[in-house]
Amino acid sequence: MERDTQRKVLVAVVLLHLIVSIAHGSAHARAGVDLSGPSLAFVLLVVFAGPLIGLAWMWKNPIAGARVVGITMAASLVFGLVNHFIIPGGDRVDHVVAHSRVLFGWTAAMLVITEAAGTVLGLEYGWPGRIRPPRELRRVS
């Protein structure tokens, strides 16, 4: 993938992640699942702000900004997997009140997808020497 295409895809993933994060926050409120102070700080600083700061940083230093996106998305992914799918408690998708479970579970799953994509795209952005077959082995159209 060319660098310009990589940047566009990374921007799209971060914006989709922001939309899903807002929807998931709404699902939290609807289900009455409050976050502790440290968890709320993590969500605001790392989950919401981190990828956006990384995108902004990409204007000045594309590779460093992409790495910020990748690292914050990786941290968000671990946080979400642990809290939504592993640790028993009010934040786990199968423990949420029935009337909010579908939206909560759907948005939690979409967060996993967007955060995994953001992690890979952000950390691999701009890597030279990606494995490609020699020119003579590539198909010519």
Protein backbone atom coordinates (compact mmCIF):
# COMPACT_ATOMS: atom_id res chain seq x y z
CA MET A 1 0.00 0.00 0.00
CA GLU A 2 1.39 3.39 -0.94
CA ARG A 3 1.95 5.85 1.87
CA ASP A 4 -0.86 8.21 0.76
CA THR A 5 -3.29 5.28 0.70
CA GLN A 6 -2.01 4.13 4.09
CA ARG A 7 -2.65 7.58 5.51
CA LYS A 8 -6.19 7.73 4.12
CA VAL A 9 -7.06 4.29 5.47
CA LEU A 10 -5.58 5.15 8.88
CA VAL A 11 -7.59 8.39 9.00
CA ALA A 12 -10.77 6.48 8.08
CA VAL A 13 -10.13 3.86 10.79
CA VAL A 14 -9.48 6.53 13.45
CA LEU A 15 -12.64 8.44 12.52
CA LEU A 16 -14.71 5.24 12.51
CA HIS A 17 -13.20 4.38 15.90
CA LEU A 18 -14.23 7.81 17.21
CA ILE A 19 -17.82 7.30 16.01
CA VAL A 20 -17.98 3.81 17.54
CA SER A 21 -16.43 5.12 20.79
CA ILE A 22 -19.13 7.78 21.06
CA ALA A 23 -21.83 5.16 20.40
CA HIS A 24 -20.25 2.88 23.01
CA GLY A 25 -20.20 5.73 25.53
CA SER A 26 -23.90 6.19 24.86
CA ALA A 27 -24.43 2.45 25.44
CA HIS A 28 -22.56 2.78 28.75
CA ALA A 29 -24.87 5.60 29.84
CA ARG A 30 -27.99 3.77 28.69
CA ALA A 31 -26.95 0.63 30.57
CA GLY A 32 -25.98 2.56 33.69
CA VAL A 33 -22.39 1.28 33.54
CA ASP A 34 -20.23 3.98 35.14
CA LEU A 35 -16.45 4.00 34.89
CA SER A 36 -14.13 4.52 37.85
CA GLY A 37 -11.98 7.66 37.88
CA PRO A 38 -8.85 5.95 36.52
CA SER A 39 -10.85 4.09 33.85
CA LEU A 40 -12.59 7.28 32.77
CA ALA A 41 -9.25 9.10 32.56
CA PHE A 42 -7.82 6.27 30.44
CA VAL A 43 -10.83 6.33 28.11
CA LEU A 44 -10.70 10.10 27.66
CA LEU A 45 -6.91 10.38 27.25
CA VAL A 46 -5.99 7.17 25.46
CA VAL A 47 -9.10 5.85 23.73
CA PHE A 48 -10.58 9.18 22.57
CA ALA A 49 -7.74 11.69 22.45
CA GLY A 50 -4.73 9.45 21.69
CA PRO A 51 -5.60 8.45 18.11
CA LEU A 52 -6.75 12.00 17.27
CA ILE A 53 -3.49 13.44 18.64
CA GLY A 54 -1.61 10.88 16.55
CA LEU A 55 -3.46 11.97 13.41
CA ALA A 56 -2.72 15.62 14.13
CA TRP A 57 0.93 14.77 14.74
CA MET A 58 1.06 13.06 11.34
CA TRP A 59 0.94 16.51 9.69
CA LYS A 60 4.33 17.34 11.21
CA ASN A 61 5.90 13.89 11.46
CA PRO A 62 3.88 11.19 9.65
CA ILE A 63 5.70 8.16 11.03
CA ALA A 64 5.79 9.36 14.66
CA GLY A 65 2.11 10.36 14.47
CA ALA A 66 1.16 6.98 13.03
CA ARG A 67 3.06 5.25 15.83
CA VAL A 68 1.08 7.28 18.40
CA VAL A 69 -2.10 6.07 16.70
CA GLY A 70 -0.83 2.48 16.73
CA ILE A 71 0.29 2.54 20.37
CA THR A 72 -2.86 4.21 21.69
CA MET A 73 -5.05 1.85 19.66
CA ALA A 74 -3.12 -1.14 21.03
CA ALA A 75 -3.57 0.10 24.60
CA SER A 76 -7.28 0.70 23.92
CA LEU A 77 -7.61 -2.78 22.47
CA VAL A 78 -6.12 -4.45 25.55
CA PHE A 79 -8.23 -2.27 27.88
CA GLY A 80 -11.43 -3.08 25.98
CA LEU A 81 -10.76 -6.79 25.65
CA VAL A 82 -10.02 -7.12 29.35
CA ASN A 83 -12.96 -5.02 30.55
CA HIS A 84 -15.61 -6.06 28.01
CA PHE A 85 -14.81 -9.73 27.48
CA ILE A 86 -12.60 -11.11 30.29
CA ILE A 87 -13.06 -9.56 33.76
CA PRO A 88 -16.47 -10.34 35.29
CA GLY A 89 -18.33 -7.18 36.21
CA GLY A 90 -20.79 -4.56 35.06
CA ASP A 91 -18.64 -3.61 32.05
CA ARG A 92 -18.51 -7.12 30.58
CA VAL A 93 -20.84 -7.54 27.61
CA ASP A 94 -22.69 -10.53 29.04
CA HIS A 95 -23.27 -8.77 32.39
CA VAL A 96 -24.89 -5.63 30.98
CA VAL A 97 -28.61 -5.16 31.59
CA ALA A 98 -30.73 -6.90 28.96
CA HIS A 99 -32.26 -3.77 27.38
CA SER A 100 -28.79 -2.42 26.53
CA ARG A 101 -26.89 -5.63 25.84
CA VAL A 102 -27.19 -5.64 22.03
CA LEU A 103 -25.94 -2.07 21.51
CA PHE A 104 -23.29 -2.47 24.21
CA GLY A 105 -22.03 -5.77 22.78
CA TRP A 106 -22.11 -4.59 19.17
CA THR A 107 -20.17 -1.41 19.91
CA ALA A 108 -17.67 -3.31 22.10
CA ALA A 109 -17.05 -5.73 19.21
CA MET A 110 -16.69 -2.86 16.73
CA LEU A 111 -14.17 -1.24 19.05
CA VAL A 112 -12.10 -4.44 18.97
CA ILE A 113 -12.16 -4.41 15.16
CA THR A 114 -11.27 -0.72 14.76
CA GLU A 115 -8.60 -0.85 17.47
CA ALA A 116 -6.97 -3.94 15.97
CA ALA A 117 -6.96 -2.30 12.54
CA GLY A 118 -5.61 0.98 13.96
CA THR A 119 -2.88 -0.89 15.82
CA VAL A 120 -1.66 -2.70 12.72
CA LEU A 121 -1.98 0.27 10.38
CA GLY A 122 -0.35 2.71 12.81
CA LEU A 123 2.58 0.49 13.69
CA GLU A 124 3.32 -0.62 10.14
CA TYR A 125 2.91 2.85 8.59
CA GLY A 126 5.84 3.81 6.41
CA TRP A 127 7.86 0.66 6.91
CA PRO A 128 10.25 0.29 4.01
CA GLY A 129 11.13 -3.10 2.65
CA ARG A 130 7.74 -4.69 2.96
CA ILE A 131 7.93 -8.17 1.56
CA ARG A 132 7.08 -8.20 -2.13
CA PRO A 133 7.87 -10.79 -4.75
CA PRO A 134 10.67 -9.95 -7.17
CA ARG A 135 9.49 -7.95 -10.17
CA GLU A 136 9.87 -10.91 -12.53
CA LEU A 137 7.53 -13.02 -10.34
CA ARG A 138 4.74 -10.43 -10.18
CA ARG A 139 1.84 -10.78 -12.55
CA VAL A 140 1.82 -8.37 -15.41
CA SER A 141 -1.65 -7.25 -16.44
